[in-house]
């Protein structure tokens, strides 16, 4: 009779693996969207950063322009009052320096404006791609979610049809949330997963007599060969 219940456990394991694959495929679709969304956020942040930089450059430009006007006014007054060429020369040099700074600031503003326009164009294309892939990904996620719902119903049905000892053993092992599932097999007098050594007698009880047993080390349930 245990053959039937071990077959149920094997089916449970198979269905669980199928569920895991569906979950992994859902994660892949979500990652596709996350990558695009991250690129979109980075581009939006880049635009905001450029706009902030332009604002700061414009403020600096206006401040520099005020200094230039003051410098030119002072130079004009000195010229009218007959100041020496040395004093006038200092103001002329200062005015030239300020004009050069303003020119550099304008160049930076223009470069940032070009960068913003290119980023906006890229963002339009990225949003379109996100919309197209998003629609496709959501459909895929929906398909996998439906499959998972069906698998969970079948898993619950199997669990509820098991005799009490098998059900308790499975529930106890599932609570441990072991990696790669709750089941193992014998492998040359060892547990296949953790390599814990078992006796020939225990190996015979598992594979020949089909007795329900746990691995003493990793706590997985032994599935007999042939089930």
Protein backbone atom coordinates (compact mmCIF):
# COMPACT_ATOMS: atom_id res chain seq x y z
CA UNK A 1 0.00 0.00 0.00
CA UNK A 2 2.89 2.34 0.69
CA UNK A 3 3.76 2.21 -3.03
CA UNK A 4 0.68 4.31 -3.74
CA UNK A 5 1.53 6.89 -1.08
CA UNK A 6 5.14 7.18 -2.15
CA UNK A 7 3.89 7.66 -5.71
CA UNK A 8 1.75 10.50 -4.38
CA UNK A 9 4.80 12.00 -2.69
CA UNK A 10 6.73 11.74 -5.95
CA UNK A 11 3.88 13.44 -7.76
CA UNK A 12 3.85 16.12 -5.06
CA UNK A 13 7.57 16.65 -5.64
CA UNK A 14 7.08 16.89 -9.40
CA UNK A 15 4.24 19.40 -9.06
CA UNK A 16 6.27 21.45 -6.57
CA UNK A 17 9.14 21.60 -9.06
CA UNK A 18 6.72 22.74 -11.75
CA UNK A 19 5.44 25.47 -9.43
CA UNK A 20 9.03 26.56 -8.75
CA UNK A 21 9.70 26.84 -12.48
CA UNK A 22 6.58 28.94 -12.98
CA UNK A 23 7.63 31.23 -10.12
CA UNK A 24 11.11 31.56 -11.64
CA UNK A 25 9.62 32.47 -15.02
CA UNK A 26 7.39 35.05 -13.34
CA UNK A 27 10.48 36.52 -11.67
CA UNK A 28 12.21 36.72 -15.06
CA UNK A 29 9.33 38.75 -16.47
CA UNK A 30 9.35 41.03 -13.44
CA UNK A 31 13.11 41.50 -13.81
CA UNK A 32 12.61 42.57 -17.44
CA UNK A 33 10.25 45.29 -16.24
CA UNK A 34 12.53 46.22 -13.33
CA UNK A 35 15.50 46.72 -15.68
CA UNK A 36 13.50 48.99 -17.98
CA UNK A 37 11.99 50.85 -15.05
CA UNK A 38 15.45 51.40 -13.55
CA UNK A 39 16.69 52.81 -16.86
CA UNK A 40 13.67 55.09 -16.98
CA UNK A 41 14.28 56.32 -13.44
CA UNK A 42 17.98 56.89 -14.17
CA UNK A 43 17.14 58.91 -17.29
CA UNK A 44 14.54 60.97 -15.42
CA UNK A 45 17.06 61.63 -12.65
CA UNK A 46 19.61 62.62 -15.30
CA UNK A 47 17.15 65.15 -16.77
CA UNK A 48 16.35 66.57 -13.32
CA UNK A 49 20.05 66.82 -12.51
CA UNK A 50 20.71 68.65 -15.80
CA UNK A 51 17.80 71.05 -15.17
CA UNK A 52 19.16 71.80 -11.71
CA UNK A 53 22.63 72.39 -13.17
CA UNK A 54 21.17 74.77 -15.79
CA UNK A 55 19.36 76.70 -13.08
CA UNK A 56 22.58 77.07 -11.09
CA UNK A 57 24.53 78.11 -14.21
CA UNK A 58 21.87 80.68 -15.10
CA UNK A 59 22.09 82.14 -11.60
CA UNK A 60 25.88 82.28 -11.88
CA UNK A 61 25.57 83.84 -15.33
CA UNK A 62 23.33 86.63 -14.01
CA UNK A 63 25.66 87.22 -11.06
CA UNK A 64 28.65 87.39 -13.39
CA UNK A 65 26.73 89.71 -15.71
CA UNK A 66 26.04 92.07 -12.78
CA UNK A 67 29.74 92.08 -11.91
CA UNK A 68 30.60 92.84 -15.54
CA UNK A 69 28.18 95.77 -15.65
CA UNK A 70 29.63 97.14 -12.39
CA UNK A 71 33.14 96.69 -13.73
CA UNK A 72 32.31 98.50 -16.99
CA UNK A 73 30.62 101.33 -15.12
CA UNK A 74 33.61 101.73 -12.81
CA UNK A 75 35.96 101.68 -15.79
CA UNK A 76 33.89 104.38 -17.52
CA UNK A 77 33.98 106.59 -14.43
CA UNK A 78 37.74 106.22 -14.11
CA UNK A 79 38.21 107.07 -17.77
CA UNK A 80 36.06 110.19 -17.38
CA UNK A 81 38.03 111.24 -14.30
CA UNK A 82 41.35 110.82 -16.13
CA UNK A 83 42.59 107.83 -14.13
CA UNK A 84 45.90 106.21 -15.05
CA UNK A 85 46.13 103.55 -17.75
CA UNK A 86 47.26 101.05 -15.11
CA UNK A 87 44.01 101.41 -13.15
CA UNK A 88 41.97 101.28 -16.35
CA UNK A 89 43.93 98.23 -17.48
CA UNK A 90 43.04 96.32 -14.32
CA UNK A 91 39.31 96.90 -14.90
CA UNK A 92 39.61 95.98 -18.58
CA UNK A 93 41.32 92.69 -17.64
CA UNK A 94 38.64 91.99 -15.02
CA UNK A 95 35.91 92.71 -17.60
CA UNK A 96 37.56 90.34 -20.10
CA UNK A 97 37.78 87.64 -17.43
CA UNK A 98 34.08 88.05 -16.56
CA UNK A 99 33.08 87.93 -20.24
CA UNK A 100 35.09 84.72 -20.63
CA UNK A 101 33.33 83.18 -17.61
CA UNK A 102 29.94 84.12 -19.05
CA UNK A 103 30.85 82.54 -22.39
CA UNK A 104 31.86 79.28 -20.66
CA UNK A 105 28.63 79.31 -18.65
CA UNK A 106 26.56 79.77 -21.82
CA UNK A 107 28.40 76.89 -23.50
CA UNK A 108 27.67 74.63 -20.53
CA UNK A 109 23.99 75.65 -20.53
CA UNK A 110 23.68 74.92 -24.25
CA UNK A 111 25.39 71.52 -23.83
CA UNK A 112 23.03 70.62 -20.98
CA UNK A 113 20.00 71.71 -23.01
CA UNK A 114 21.11 69.41 -25.86
CA UNK A 115 21.63 66.60 -23.33
CA UNK A 116 18.12 67.15 -21.93
CA UNK A 117 16.52 67.02 -25.38
CA UNK A 118 18.39 63.81 -26.23
CA UNK A 119 17.38 62.30 -22.89
CA UNK A 120 13.73 63.24 -23.47
CA UNK A 121 13.80 61.62 -26.91
CA UNK A 122 15.38 58.49 -25.42
CA UNK A 123 12.79 58.52 -22.63
CA UNK A 124 9.92 58.63 -25.12
CA UNK A 125 11.29 55.52 -26.85
CA UNK A 126 11.95 53.83 -23.53
CA UNK A 127 8.41 54.49 -22.31
CA UNK A 128 7.03 53.01 -25.52
CA UNK A 129 9.23 49.92 -25.08
CA UNK A 130 8.22 49.66 -21.43
CA UNK A 131 4.55 49.79 -22.44
CA UNK A 132 5.00 47.08 -25.11
CA UNK A 133 7.12 44.76 -22.97
CA UNK A 134 4.97 45.52 -19.93
CA UNK A 135 1.87 44.32 -21.74
CA UNK A 136 3.66 41.18 -22.88
CA UNK A 137 5.21 40.53 -19.46
CA UNK A 138 1.91 41.01 -17.60
CA UNK A 139 0.26 38.49 -19.92
CA UNK A 140 3.06 36.00 -19.24
CA UNK A 141 2.84 36.62 -15.50
CA UNK A 142 -0.93 36.08 -15.65
CA UNK A 143 -0.47 32.74 -17.43
CA UNK A 144 2.05 31.55 -14.84
CA UNK A 145 -0.16 32.74 -11.98
CA UNK A 146 -3.08 30.70 -13.35
CA UNK A 147 -0.85 27.64 -13.67
CA UNK A 148 0.35 28.10 -10.10
CA UNK A 149 -3.22 28.30 -8.83
CA UNK A 150 -4.03 24.98 -10.53
CA UNK A 151 -0.86 23.37 -9.24
CA UNK A 152 -1.60 24.51 -5.69
CA UNK A 153 -5.05 22.93 -5.88
CA UNK A 154 -3.52 19.65 -7.01
CA UNK A 155 -0.86 19.84 -4.29
CA UNK A 156 -3.52 20.44 -1.65
CA UNK A 157 -5.57 17.54 -2.98
CA UNK A 158 -2.59 15.19 -2.78
CA UNK A 159 -1.80 16.34 0.75
CA UNK A 160 -5.36 15.74 1.88
CA UNK A 161 -5.52 12.24 0.35
CA UNK A 162 -2.37 11.02 2.11
CA UNK A 163 -2.70 8.83 5.21
CA UNK A 164 -1.99 10.61 8.47
CA UNK A 165 1.62 9.42 8.91
CA UNK A 166 2.58 10.45 5.37
CA UNK A 167 0.71 13.76 5.65
CA UNK A 168 2.33 14.62 8.98
CA UNK A 169 5.77 13.69 7.64
CA UNK A 170 5.31 15.88 4.57
CA UNK A 171 3.92 18.86 6.48
CA UNK A 172 6.71 18.62 9.03
CA UNK A 173 9.35 18.64 6.27
CA UNK A 174 7.69 21.42 4.28
CA UNK A 175 7.76 23.69 7.34
CA UNK A 176 11.57 23.50 7.28
CA UNK A 177 11.55 25.10 3.78
CA UNK A 178 14.54 23.07 2.68
CA UNK A 179 16.39 24.12 -0.44
CA UNK A 180 15.76 21.89 -3.48
CA UNK A 181 12.67 20.38 -1.89
CA UNK A 182 11.70 18.03 0.94
CA UNK A 183 12.67 14.72 -0.70
CA UNK A 184 15.83 12.69 -1.21
CA UNK A 185 16.88 9.18 -2.27
CA UNK A 186 19.51 6.67 -1.28
CA UNK A 187 22.76 6.77 -3.19
CA UNK A 188 25.23 3.99 -2.43
CA UNK A 189 24.26 3.90 1.26
CA UNK A 190 24.20 7.70 1.52
CA UNK A 191 21.61 10.42 1.40
CA UNK A 192 21.73 11.81 -2.12
CA UNK A 193 21.64 15.45 -0.94
CA UNK A 194 23.64 15.73 2.28
CA UNK A 195 25.73 12.51 1.85
CA UNK A 196 24.81 11.25 5.32
CA UNK A 197 25.80 7.58 5.56
CA UNK A 198 22.98 5.10 6.20
CA UNK A 199 23.20 1.41 6.97
CA UNK A 200 22.42 -1.36 4.49
CA UNK A 201 19.47 -2.30 6.67
CA UNK A 202 18.01 1.21 6.48
CA UNK A 203 18.64 1.32 2.74
CA UNK A 204 16.71 -1.93 2.33
CA UNK A 205 13.86 -0.65 4.52
CA UNK A 206 13.60 2.42 2.28
CA UNK A 207 14.01 0.93 -1.20
CA UNK A 208 12.72 -2.63 -0.74
CA UNK A 209 10.27 -2.55 2.16
CA UNK A 210 9.11 0.98 1.29
CA UNK A 211 9.10 2.21 4.90
CA UNK A 212 8.65 5.94 5.48
CA UNK A 213 11.96 7.34 6.76
CA UNK A 214 13.73 10.69 7.15
CA UNK A 215 17.39 11.47 6.62
CA UNK A 216 18.76 11.96 10.16
CA UNK A 217 20.95 14.84 9.01
CA UNK A 218 19.06 16.93 6.41
CA UNK A 219 15.53 15.83 7.50
CA UNK A 220 14.38 15.09 3.95
CA UNK A 221 11.97 12.23 3.28
CA UNK A 222 13.48 9.27 1.48
CA UNK A 223 11.65 8.30 -1.72
CA UNK A 224 12.19 4.64 -2.62
CA UNK A 225 13.52 3.78 -6.06
CA UNK A 226 10.77 2.52 -8.34
CA UNK A 227 8.14 4.95 -6.96
